[in-house]
All heavy atoms as atom14 arrays in JSON, in Angstrom:
{
  "sequence": "ETRAGRIDLDIPKLRKGSYFPSFLEPRRTAEKALTAVIQEAYIK",
  "atom14_mask": [
    [1, 1, 1, 1, 1, 1, 1, 1, 1, 0, 0, 0, 0, 0],
    [1, 1, 1, 1, 1, 1, 1, 0, 0, 0, 0, 0, 0, 0],
    [1, 1, 1, 1, 1, 1, 1, 1, 1, 1, 1, 0, 0, 0],
    [1, 1, 1, 1, 1, 0, 0, 0, 0, 0, 0, 0, 0, 0],
    [1, 1, 1, 1, 0, 0, 0, 0, 0, 0, 0, 0, 0, 0],
    [1, 1, 1, 1, 1, 1, 1, 1, 1, 1, 1, 0, 0, 0],
    [1, 1, 1, 1, 1, 1, 1, 1, 0, 0, 0, 0, 0, 0],
    [1, 1, 1, 1, 1, 1, 1, 1, 0, 0, 0, 0, 0, 0],
    [1, 1, 1, 1, 1, 1, 1, 1, 0, 0, 0, 0, 0, 0],
    [1, 1, 1, 1, 1, 1, 1, 1, 0, 0, 0, 0, 0, 0],
    [1, 1, 1, 1, 1, 1, 1, 1, 0, 0, 0, 0, 0, 0],
    [1, 1, 1, 1, 1, 1, 1, 0, 0, 0, 0, 0, 0, 0],
    [1, 1, 1, 1, 1, 1, 1, 1, 1, 0, 0, 0, 0, 0],
    [1, 1, 1, 1, 1, 1, 1, 1, 0, 0, 0, 0, 0, 0],
    [1, 1, 1, 1, 1, 1, 1, 1, 1, 1, 1, 0, 0, 0],
    [1, 1, 1, 1, 1, 1, 1, 1, 1, 0, 0, 0, 0, 0],
    [1, 1, 1, 1, 0, 0, 0, 0, 0, 0, 0, 0, 0, 0],
    [1, 1, 1, 1, 1, 1, 0, 0, 0, 0, 0, 0, 0, 0],
    [1, 1, 1, 1, 1, 1, 1, 1, 1, 1, 1, 1, 0, 0],
    [1, 1, 1, 1, 1, 1, 1, 1, 1, 1, 1, 0, 0, 0],
    [1, 1, 1, 1, 1, 1, 1, 0, 0, 0, 0, 0, 0, 0],
    [1, 1, 1, 1, 1, 1, 0, 0, 0, 0, 0, 0, 0, 0],
    [1, 1, 1, 1, 1, 1, 1, 1, 1, 1, 1, 0, 0, 0],
    [1, 1, 1, 1, 1, 1, 1, 1, 0, 0, 0, 0, 0, 0],
    [1, 1, 1, 1, 1, 1, 1, 1, 1, 0, 0, 0, 0, 0],
    [1, 1, 1, 1, 1, 1, 1, 0, 0, 0, 0, 0, 0, 0],
    [1, 1, 1, 1, 1, 1, 1, 1, 1, 1, 1, 0, 0, 0],
    [1, 1, 1, 1, 1, 1, 1, 1, 1, 1, 1, 0, 0, 0],
    [1, 1, 1, 1, 1, 1, 1, 0, 0, 0, 0, 0, 0, 0],
    [1, 1, 1, 1, 1, 0, 0, 0, 0, 0, 0, 0, 0, 0],
    [1, 1, 1, 1, 1, 1, 1, 1, 1, 0, 0, 0, 0, 0],
    [1, 1, 1, 1, 1, 1, 1, 1, 1, 0, 0, 0, 0, 0],
    [1, 1, 1, 1, 1, 0, 0, 0, 0, 0, 0, 0, 0, 0],
    [1, 1, 1, 1, 1, 1, 1, 1, 0, 0, 0, 0, 0, 0],
    [1, 1, 1, 1, 1, 1, 1, 0, 0, 0, 0, 0, 0, 0],
    [1, 1, 1, 1, 1, 0, 0, 0, 0, 0, 0, 0, 0, 0],
    [1, 1, 1, 1, 1, 1, 1, 0, 0, 0, 0, 0, 0, 0],
    [1, 1, 1, 1, 1, 1, 1, 1, 0, 0, 0, 0, 0, 0],
    [1, 1, 1, 1, 1, 1, 1, 1, 1, 0, 0, 0, 0, 0],
    [1, 1, 1, 1, 1, 1, 1, 1, 1, 0, 0, 0, 0, 0],
    [1, 1, 1, 1, 1, 0, 0, 0, 0, 0, 0, 0, 0, 0],
    [1, 1, 1, 1, 1, 1, 1, 1, 1, 1, 1, 1, 0, 0],
    [1, 1, 1, 1, 1, 1, 1, 1, 0, 0, 0, 0, 0, 0],
    [1, 1, 1, 1, 1, 1, 1, 1, 1, 0, 0, 0, 0, 0]
  ],
  "atom14_positions": [
    [[3.08, -8.75, 6.91], [2.62, -8.76, 8.29], [1.12, -8.5, 8.35], [0.65, -7.47, 7.87], [3.36, -7.69, 9.11], [4.87, -7.91, 9.19], [5.27, -9.16, 9.94], [4.43, -9.69, 10.71], [6.42, -9.62, 9.76], [0.0, 0.0, 0.0], [0.0, 0.0, 0.0], [0.0, 0.0, 0.0], [0.0, 0.0, 0.0], [0.0, 0.0, 0.0]],
    [[0.37, -9.46, 8.89], [-1.07, -9.3, 9.05], [-1.42, -9.49, 10.52], [-0.59, -9.92, 11.32], [-1.85, -10.35, 8.22], [-1.72, -11.62, 8.85], [-1.31, -10.43, 6.8], [0.0, 0.0, 0.0], [0.0, 0.0, 0.0], [0.0, 0.0, 0.0], [0.0, 0.0, 0.0], [0.0, 0.0, 0.0], [0.0, 0.0, 0.0], [0.0, 0.0, 0.0]],
    [[-2.68, -9.2, 10.87], [-3.1, -9.41, 12.25], [-3.16, -10.89, 12.61], [-3.2, -11.26, 13.77], [-4.46, -8.75, 12.48], [-4.37, -7.25, 12.7], [-5.72, -6.61, 12.75], [-6.33, -6.57, 11.44], [-7.49, -5.98, 11.18], [-8.14, -5.37, 12.14], [-7.99, -5.98, 9.97], [0.0, 0.0, 0.0], [0.0, 0.0, 0.0], [0.0, 0.0, 0.0]],
    [[-3.15, -11.75, 11.6], [-3.11, -13.2, 11.84], [-1.68, -13.71, 11.92], [-1.46, -14.89, 12.15], [-3.86, -13.93, 10.72], [0.0, 0.0, 0.0], [0.0, 0.0, 0.0], [0.0, 0.0, 0.0], [0.0, 0.0, 0.0], [0.0, 0.0, 0.0], [0.0, 0.0, 0.0], [0.0, 0.0, 0.0], [0.0, 0.0, 0.0], [0.0, 0.0, 0.0]],
    [[-0.7, -12.83, 11.74], [0.7, -13.23, 11.8], [1.41, -12.99, 10.49], [0.85, -12.47, 9.53], [0.0, 0.0, 0.0], [0.0, 0.0, 0.0], [0.0, 0.0, 0.0], [0.0, 0.0, 0.0], [0.0, 0.0, 0.0], [0.0, 0.0, 0.0], [0.0, 0.0, 0.0], [0.0, 0.0, 0.0], [0.0, 0.0, 0.0], [0.0, 0.0, 0.0]],
    [[2.66, -13.39, 10.45], [3.5, -13.17, 9.27], [3.24, -14.22, 8.2], [3.16, -15.41, 8.49], [4.97, -13.2, 9.68], [5.96, -13.2, 8.52], [7.37, -13.13, 9.03], [8.33, -13.41, 7.98], [9.56, -12.93, 7.94], [9.98, -12.14, 8.92], [10.37, -13.22, 6.96], [0.0, 0.0, 0.0], [0.0, 0.0, 0.0], [0.0, 0.0, 0.0]],
    [[3.15, -13.75, 6.95], [2.97, -14.64, 5.8], [4.11, -14.38, 4.83], [4.38, -13.23, 4.46], [1.62, -14.4, 5.11], [0.47, -14.73, 6.06], [1.5, -15.23, 3.84], [-0.89, -14.36, 5.52], [0.0, 0.0, 0.0], [0.0, 0.0, 0.0], [0.0, 0.0, 0.0], [0.0, 0.0, 0.0], [0.0, 0.0, 0.0], [0.0, 0.0, 0.0]],
    [[4.82, -15.43, 4.44], [5.92, -15.31, 3.49], [5.38, -15.44, 2.07], [4.85, -16.49, 1.69], [6.99, -16.36, 3.75], [7.69, -16.14, 5.09], [7.94, -14.97, 5.42], [7.96, -17.13, 5.79], [0.0, 0.0, 0.0], [0.0, 0.0, 0.0], [0.0, 0.0, 0.0], [0.0, 0.0, 0.0], [0.0, 0.0, 0.0], [0.0, 0.0, 0.0]],
    [[5.51, -14.36, 1.3], [4.99, -14.34, -0.06], [6.1, -14.57, -1.07], [7.23, -14.11, -0.87], [4.33, -12.99, -0.36], [3.14, -12.57, 0.51], [2.7, -11.16, 0.13], [2.0, -13.56, 0.37], [0.0, 0.0, 0.0], [0.0, 0.0, 0.0], [0.0, 0.0, 0.0], [0.0, 0.0, 0.0], [0.0, 0.0, 0.0], [0.0, 0.0, 0.0]],
    [[5.78, -15.26, -2.14], [6.66, -15.38, -3.31], [6.06, -14.51, -4.4], [5.09, -14.91, -5.07], [6.78, -16.83, -3.78], [7.56, -17.69, -2.81], [8.5, -17.17, -2.19], [7.23, -18.88, -2.64], [0.0, 0.0, 0.0], [0.0, 0.0, 0.0], [0.0, 0.0, 0.0], [0.0, 0.0, 0.0], [0.0, 0.0, 0.0], [0.0, 0.0, 0.0]],
    [[6.63, -13.32, -4.57], [6.06, -12.35, -5.51], [6.71, -12.52, -6.88], [7.94, -12.47, -7.0], [6.28, -10.92, -5.0], [5.57, -10.75, -3.64], [5.77, -9.9, -6.0], [5.78, -9.39, -3.02], [0.0, 0.0, 0.0], [0.0, 0.0, 0.0], [0.0, 0.0, 0.0], [0.0, 0.0, 0.0], [0.0, 0.0, 0.0], [0.0, 0.0, 0.0]],
    [[5.9, -12.76, -7.91], [6.47, -12.95, -9.26], [7.24, -11.73, -9.75], [6.86, -10.59, -9.47], [5.22, -13.19, -10.12], [4.16, -13.65, -9.17], [4.44, -12.91, -7.89], [0.0, 0.0, 0.0], [0.0, 0.0, 0.0], [0.0, 0.0, 0.0], [0.0, 0.0, 0.0], [0.0, 0.0, 0.0], [0.0, 0.0, 0.0], [0.0, 0.0, 0.0]],
    [[8.33, -11.99, -10.48], [9.09, -10.93, -11.13], [8.84, -11.01, -12.63], [8.51, -12.06, -13.17], [10.59, -11.08, -10.86], [10.99, -10.96, -9.41], [12.5, -10.86, -9.28], [13.19, -12.12, -9.81], [14.66, -12.06, -9.65], [0.0, 0.0, 0.0], [0.0, 0.0, 0.0], [0.0, 0.0, 0.0], [0.0, 0.0, 0.0], [0.0, 0.0, 0.0]],
    [[9.04, -9.88, -13.31], [8.91, -9.82, -14.76], [10.25, -9.47, -15.38], [11.07, -8.8, -14.76], [7.87, -8.76, -15.16], [6.46, -8.92, -14.59], [5.57, -7.78, -15.06], [5.86, -10.26, -14.97], [0.0, 0.0, 0.0], [0.0, 0.0, 0.0], [0.0, 0.0, 0.0], [0.0, 0.0, 0.0], [0.0, 0.0, 0.0], [0.0, 0.0, 0.0]],
    [[10.48, -9.97, -16.6], [11.74, -9.65, -17.28], [11.82, -8.16, -17.62], [12.89, -7.56, -17.55], [11.86, -10.47, -18.57], [12.09, -11.95, -18.34], [12.34, -12.66, -19.66], [12.41, -14.11, -19.47], [12.53, -14.98, -20.46], [12.61, -14.54, -21.72], [12.58, -16.28, -20.22], [0.0, 0.0, 0.0], [0.0, 0.0, 0.0], [0.0, 0.0, 0.0]],
    [[10.69, -7.59, -18.0], [10.63, -6.16, -18.3], [9.53, -5.53, -17.45], [8.45, -6.07, -17.34], [10.35, -5.91, -19.78], [11.52, -6.27, -20.69], [11.22, -5.87, -22.12], [12.42, -6.19, -23.03], [12.15, -5.81, -24.44], [0.0, 0.0, 0.0], [0.0, 0.0, 0.0], [0.0, 0.0, 0.0], [0.0, 0.0, 0.0], [0.0, 0.0, 0.0]],
    [[9.82, -4.37, -16.88], [8.85, -3.72, -16.03], [8.86, -4.31, -14.64], [9.75, -5.08, -14.26], [0.0, 0.0, 0.0], [0.0, 0.0, 0.0], [0.0, 0.0, 0.0], [0.0, 0.0, 0.0], [0.0, 0.0, 0.0], [0.0, 0.0, 0.0], [0.0, 0.0, 0.0], [0.0, 0.0, 0.0], [0.0, 0.0, 0.0], [0.0, 0.0, 0.0]],
    [[7.88, -3.95, -13.85], [7.82, -4.42, -12.47], [6.39, -4.78, -12.11], [5.44, -4.33, -12.74], [8.33, -3.34, -11.51], [7.53, -2.17, -11.6], [0.0, 0.0, 0.0], [0.0, 0.0, 0.0], [0.0, 0.0, 0.0], [0.0, 0.0, 0.0], [0.0, 0.0, 0.0], [0.0, 0.0, 0.0], [0.0, 0.0, 0.0], [0.0, 0.0, 0.0]],
    [[6.26, -5.61, -11.09], [4.94, -5.99, -10.59], [4.94, -5.88, -9.07], [5.88, -6.32, -8.41], [4.6, -7.43, -10.99], [3.45, -7.99, -10.19], [2.15, -7.5, -10.35], [3.66, -8.97, -9.22], [1.1, -7.98, -9.58], [2.62, -9.46, -8.45], [1.34, -8.96, -8.64], [0.31, -9.43, -7.86], [0.0, 0.0, 0.0], [0.0, 0.0, 0.0]],
    [[3.87, -5.27, -8.54], [3.72, -5.14, -7.09], [2.28, -5.51, -6.75], [1.34, -4.96, -7.34], [4.02, -3.71, -6.64], [4.21, -3.57, -5.15], [5.45, -3.77, -4.58], [3.15, -3.24, -4.33], [5.63, -3.64, -3.22], [3.31, -3.12, -2.97], [4.56, -3.32, -2.41], [0.0, 0.0, 0.0], [0.0, 0.0, 0.0], [0.0, 0.0, 0.0]],
    [[2.06, -6.46, -5.84], [0.7, -6.91, -5.53], [-0.2, -5.78, -5.07], [0.19, -4.95, -4.24], [0.92, -7.94, -4.42], [2.32, -8.4, -4.57], [3.07, -7.2, -5.07], [0.0, 0.0, 0.0], [0.0, 0.0, 0.0], [0.0, 0.0, 0.0], [0.0, 0.0, 0.0], [0.0, 0.0, 0.0], [0.0, 0.0, 0.0], [0.0, 0.0, 0.0]],
    [[-1.42, -5.75, -5.59], [-2.33, -4.66, -5.28], [-2.8, -4.68, -3.84], [-3.21, -3.65, -3.3], [-3.55, -4.74, -6.21], [-4.28, -5.94, -5.97], [0.0, 0.0, 0.0], [0.0, 0.0, 0.0], [0.0, 0.0, 0.0], [0.0, 0.0, 0.0], [0.0, 0.0, 0.0], [0.0, 0.0, 0.0], [0.0, 0.0, 0.0], [0.0, 0.0, 0.0]],
    [[-2.72, -5.85, -3.19], [-3.31, -5.95, -1.85], [-2.35, -5.59, -0.72], [-2.76, -5.51, 0.43], [-3.83, -7.38, -1.6], [-2.78, -8.45, -1.76], [-1.91, -8.76, -0.74], [-2.67, -9.14, -2.95], [-0.94, -9.73, -0.89], [-1.71, -10.14, -3.11], [-0.85, -10.43, -2.07], [0.0, 0.0, 0.0], [0.0, 0.0, 0.0], [0.0, 0.0, 0.0]],
    [[-1.07, -5.38, -1.03], [-0.13, -5.06, 0.04], [-0.39, -3.67, 0.6], [-0.65, -2.71, -0.13], [1.31, -5.16, -0.47], [1.82, -6.59, -0.67], [3.28, -6.55, -1.1], [1.67, -7.43, 0.57], [0.0, 0.0, 0.0], [0.0, 0.0, 0.0], [0.0, 0.0, 0.0], [0.0, 0.0, 0.0], [0.0, 0.0, 0.0], [0.0, 0.0, 0.0]],
    [[-0.27, -3.52, 1.88], [-0.64, -2.29, 2.59], [0.06, -1.04, 2.08], [-0.57, 0.01, 1.98], [-0.37, -2.46, 4.09], [-0.75, -1.26, 4.93], [-2.25, -1.01, 4.95], [-3.01, -1.94, 4.62], [-2.65, 0.11, 5.29], [0.0, 0.0, 0.0], [0.0, 0.0, 0.0], [0.0, 0.0, 0.0], [0.0, 0.0, 0.0], [0.0, 0.0, 0.0]],
    [[1.37, -1.07, 1.75], [2.03, 0.16, 1.29], [1.33, 0.81, 0.12], [1.41, 2.01, -0.08], [3.44, -0.32, 0.91], [3.67, -1.48, 1.82], [2.33, -2.16, 1.92], [0.0, 0.0, 0.0], [0.0, 0.0, 0.0], [0.0, 0.0, 0.0], [0.0, 0.0, 0.0], [0.0, 0.0, 0.0], [0.0, 0.0, 0.0], [0.0, 0.0, 0.0]],
    [[0.63, 0.02, -0.7], [-0.08, 0.58, -1.83], [-1.22, 1.5, -1.36], [-1.68, 2.35, -2.1], [-0.66, -0.55, -2.7], [0.31, -1.1, -3.7], [0.6, -0.06, -4.74], [1.43, -0.6, -5.79], [1.88, 0.1, -6.8], [1.64, 1.37, -6.87], [2.62, -0.46, -7.72], [0.0, 0.0, 0.0], [0.0, 0.0, 0.0], [0.0, 0.0, 0.0]],
    [[-1.71, 1.3, -0.16], [-2.82, 2.1, 0.35], [-2.33, 3.28, 1.17], [-3.1, 4.18, 1.49], [-3.72, 1.22, 1.2], [-4.36, 0.07, 0.43], [-5.0, -0.95, 1.37], [-5.98, -0.33, 2.24], [-6.42, -0.9, 3.35], [-5.97, -2.07, 3.73], [-7.31, -0.29, 4.1], [0.0, 0.0, 0.0], [0.0, 0.0, 0.0], [0.0, 0.0, 0.0]],
    [[-1.06, 3.3, 1.52], [-0.54, 4.36, 2.37], [-0.68, 5.72, 1.72], [-1.08, 6.7, 2.36], [0.94, 4.09, 2.71], [1.05, 2.82, 3.35], [1.49, 5.17, 3.63], [0.0, 0.0, 0.0], [0.0, 0.0, 0.0], [0.0, 0.0, 0.0], [0.0, 0.0, 0.0], [0.0, 0.0, 0.0], [0.0, 0.0, 0.0], [0.0, 0.0, 0.0]],
    [[-0.34, 5.82, 0.44], [-0.43, 7.11, -0.25], [-1.87, 7.6, -0.32], [-2.13, 8.8, -0.19], [0.16, 7.0, -1.66], [0.0, 0.0, 0.0], [0.0, 0.0, 0.0], [0.0, 0.0, 0.0], [0.0, 0.0, 0.0], [0.0, 0.0, 0.0], [0.0, 0.0, 0.0], [0.0, 0.0, 0.0], [0.0, 0.0, 0.0], [0.0, 0.0, 0.0]],
    [[-2.81, 6.68, -0.52], [-4.21, 7.08, -0.57], [-4.66, 7.61, 0.8], [-5.38, 8.6, 0.89], [-5.08, 5.9, -1.0], [-4.74, 5.33, -2.37], [-4.87, 6.37, -3.47], [-5.69, 7.3, -3.33], [-4.14, 6.27, -4.48], [0.0, 0.0, 0.0], [0.0, 0.0, 0.0], [0.0, 0.0, 0.0], [0.0, 0.0, 0.0], [0.0, 0.0, 0.0]],
    [[-4.25, 6.93, 1.87], [-4.6, 7.39, 3.21], [-3.98, 8.76, 3.49], [-4.61, 9.64, 4.09], [-4.11, 6.39, 4.26], [-4.89, 5.09, 4.31], [-4.35, 4.21, 5.42], [-5.12, 2.9, 5.53], [-4.56, 2.04, 6.6], [0.0, 0.0, 0.0], [0.0, 0.0, 0.0], [0.0, 0.0, 0.0], [0.0, 0.0, 0.0], [0.0, 0.0, 0.0]],
    [[-2.73, 8.94, 3.05], [-2.05, 10.21, 3.28], [-2.74, 11.34, 2.55], [-2.89, 12.45, 3.08], [-0.59, 10.11, 2.84], [0.0, 0.0, 0.0], [0.0, 0.0, 0.0], [0.0, 0.0, 0.0], [0.0, 0.0, 0.0], [0.0, 0.0, 0.0], [0.0, 0.0, 0.0], [0.0, 0.0, 0.0], [0.0, 0.0, 0.0], [0.0, 0.0, 0.0]],
    [[-3.16, 11.09, 1.32], [-3.86, 12.11, 0.55], [-5.16, 12.49, 1.26], [-5.5, 13.67, 1.38], [-4.15, 11.61, -0.86], [-4.89, 12.57, -1.8], [-4.13, 13.89, -1.93], [-5.11, 11.94, -3.16], [0.0, 0.0, 0.0], [0.0, 0.0, 0.0], [0.0, 0.0, 0.0], [0.0, 0.0, 0.0], [0.0, 0.0, 0.0], [0.0, 0.0, 0.0]],
    [[-5.89, 11.48, 1.73], [-7.13, 11.74, 2.47], [-6.85, 12.59, 3.71], [-7.56, 13.56, 4.0], [-7.79, 10.41, 2.89], [-8.08, 9.65, 1.72], [-9.07, 10.66, 3.68], [0.0, 0.0, 0.0], [0.0, 0.0, 0.0], [0.0, 0.0, 0.0], [0.0, 0.0, 0.0], [0.0, 0.0, 0.0], [0.0, 0.0, 0.0], [0.0, 0.0, 0.0]],
    [[-5.8, 12.23, 4.45], [-5.46, 12.95, 5.69], [-5.12, 14.42, 5.4], [-5.57, 15.32, 6.11], [-4.28, 12.27, 6.38], [0.0, 0.0, 0.0], [0.0, 0.0, 0.0], [0.0, 0.0, 0.0], [0.0, 0.0, 0.0], [0.0, 0.0, 0.0], [0.0, 0.0, 0.0], [0.0, 0.0, 0.0], [0.0, 0.0, 0.0], [0.0, 0.0, 0.0]],
    [[-4.34, 14.65, 4.35], [-3.93, 16.02, 4.03], [-5.13, 16.85, 3.59], [-5.3, 18.01, 3.99], [-2.85, 16.01, 2.93], [-2.59, 17.42, 2.41], [-1.55, 15.42, 3.47], [0.0, 0.0, 0.0], [0.0, 0.0, 0.0], [0.0, 0.0, 0.0], [0.0, 0.0, 0.0], [0.0, 0.0, 0.0], [0.0, 0.0, 0.0], [0.0, 0.0, 0.0]],
    [[-5.98, 16.26, 2.76], [-7.17, 16.98, 2.29], [-8.07, 17.34, 3.46], [-8.56, 18.47, 3.58], [-7.93, 16.12, 1.26], [-7.14, 16.05, -0.05], [-9.33, 16.69, 1.0], [-7.71, 15.09, -1.06], [0.0, 0.0, 0.0], [0.0, 0.0, 0.0], [0.0, 0.0, 0.0], [0.0, 0.0, 0.0], [0.0, 0.0, 0.0], [0.0, 0.0, 0.0]],
    [[-8.29, 16.38, 4.36], [-9.16, 16.64, 5.49], [-8.56, 17.67, 6.45], [-9.27, 18.51, 7.01], [-9.46, 15.33, 6.22], [-10.34, 14.39, 5.4], [-10.64, 13.1, 6.13], [-10.0, 12.77, 7.12], [-11.61, 12.35, 5.63], [0.0, 0.0, 0.0], [0.0, 0.0, 0.0], [0.0, 0.0, 0.0], [0.0, 0.0, 0.0], [0.0, 0.0, 0.0]],
    [[-7.25, 17.63, 6.63], [-6.61, 18.6, 7.51], [-6.76, 20.01, 6.94], [-7.05, 20.97, 7.67], [-5.13, 18.26, 7.69], [-4.43, 19.18, 8.69], [-2.97, 18.86, 8.87], [-2.39, 18.13, 8.04], [-2.39, 19.34, 9.85], [0.0, 0.0, 0.0], [0.0, 0.0, 0.0], [0.0, 0.0, 0.0], [0.0, 0.0, 0.0], [0.0, 0.0, 0.0]],
    [[-6.57, 20.13, 5.63], [-6.74, 21.43, 4.99], [-8.18, 21.91, 5.16], [-8.44, 23.1, 5.42], [-6.39, 21.34, 3.51], [0.0, 0.0, 0.0], [0.0, 0.0, 0.0], [0.0, 0.0, 0.0], [0.0, 0.0, 0.0], [0.0, 0.0, 0.0], [0.0, 0.0, 0.0], [0.0, 0.0, 0.0], [0.0, 0.0, 0.0], [0.0, 0.0, 0.0]],
    [[-9.11, 20.99, 5.05], [-10.54, 21.34, 5.14], [-10.91, 21.88, 6.52], [-11.54, 22.93, 6.64], [-11.37, 20.11, 4.79], [-12.86, 20.34, 4.83], [-13.51, 20.96, 3.76], [-13.62, 19.93, 5.92], [-14.87, 21.17, 3.78], [-14.99, 20.14, 5.95], [-15.61, 20.76, 4.87], [-16.96, 20.97, 4.91], [0.0, 0.0, 0.0], [0.0, 0.0, 0.0]],
    [[-10.51, 21.15, 7.56], [-10.93, 21.56, 8.9], [-10.21, 22.83, 9.36], [-10.68, 23.51, 10.27], [-10.71, 20.44, 9.94], [-9.23, 20.11, 10.09], [-11.51, 19.2, 9.59], [-8.94, 19.13, 11.21], [0.0, 0.0, 0.0], [0.0, 0.0, 0.0], [0.0, 0.0, 0.0], [0.0, 0.0, 0.0], [0.0, 0.0, 0.0], [0.0, 0.0, 0.0]],
    [[-9.08, 23.16, 8.72], [-8.38, 24.39, 9.09], [-8.87, 25.6, 8.29], [-8.38, 26.7, 8.46], [-6.87, 24.21, 8.9], [-6.27, 23.27, 9.95], [-4.75, 23.3, 9.93], [-4.19, 22.45, 11.06], [-2.72, 22.48, 11.11], [0.0, 0.0, 0.0], [0.0, 0.0, 0.0], [0.0, 0.0, 0.0], [0.0, 0.0, 0.0], [0.0, 0.0, 0.0]]
  ]
}
């Protein structure tokens, strides 16, 4: 889901291990959460 609308991706699979595209938003969620927690601790 992008601001330009929905895009259907064909994500490659591997026989061993896993692959997840670096550009998908969920990959950035943890980084944003870490930033939020650190900043909240700081201002308090």
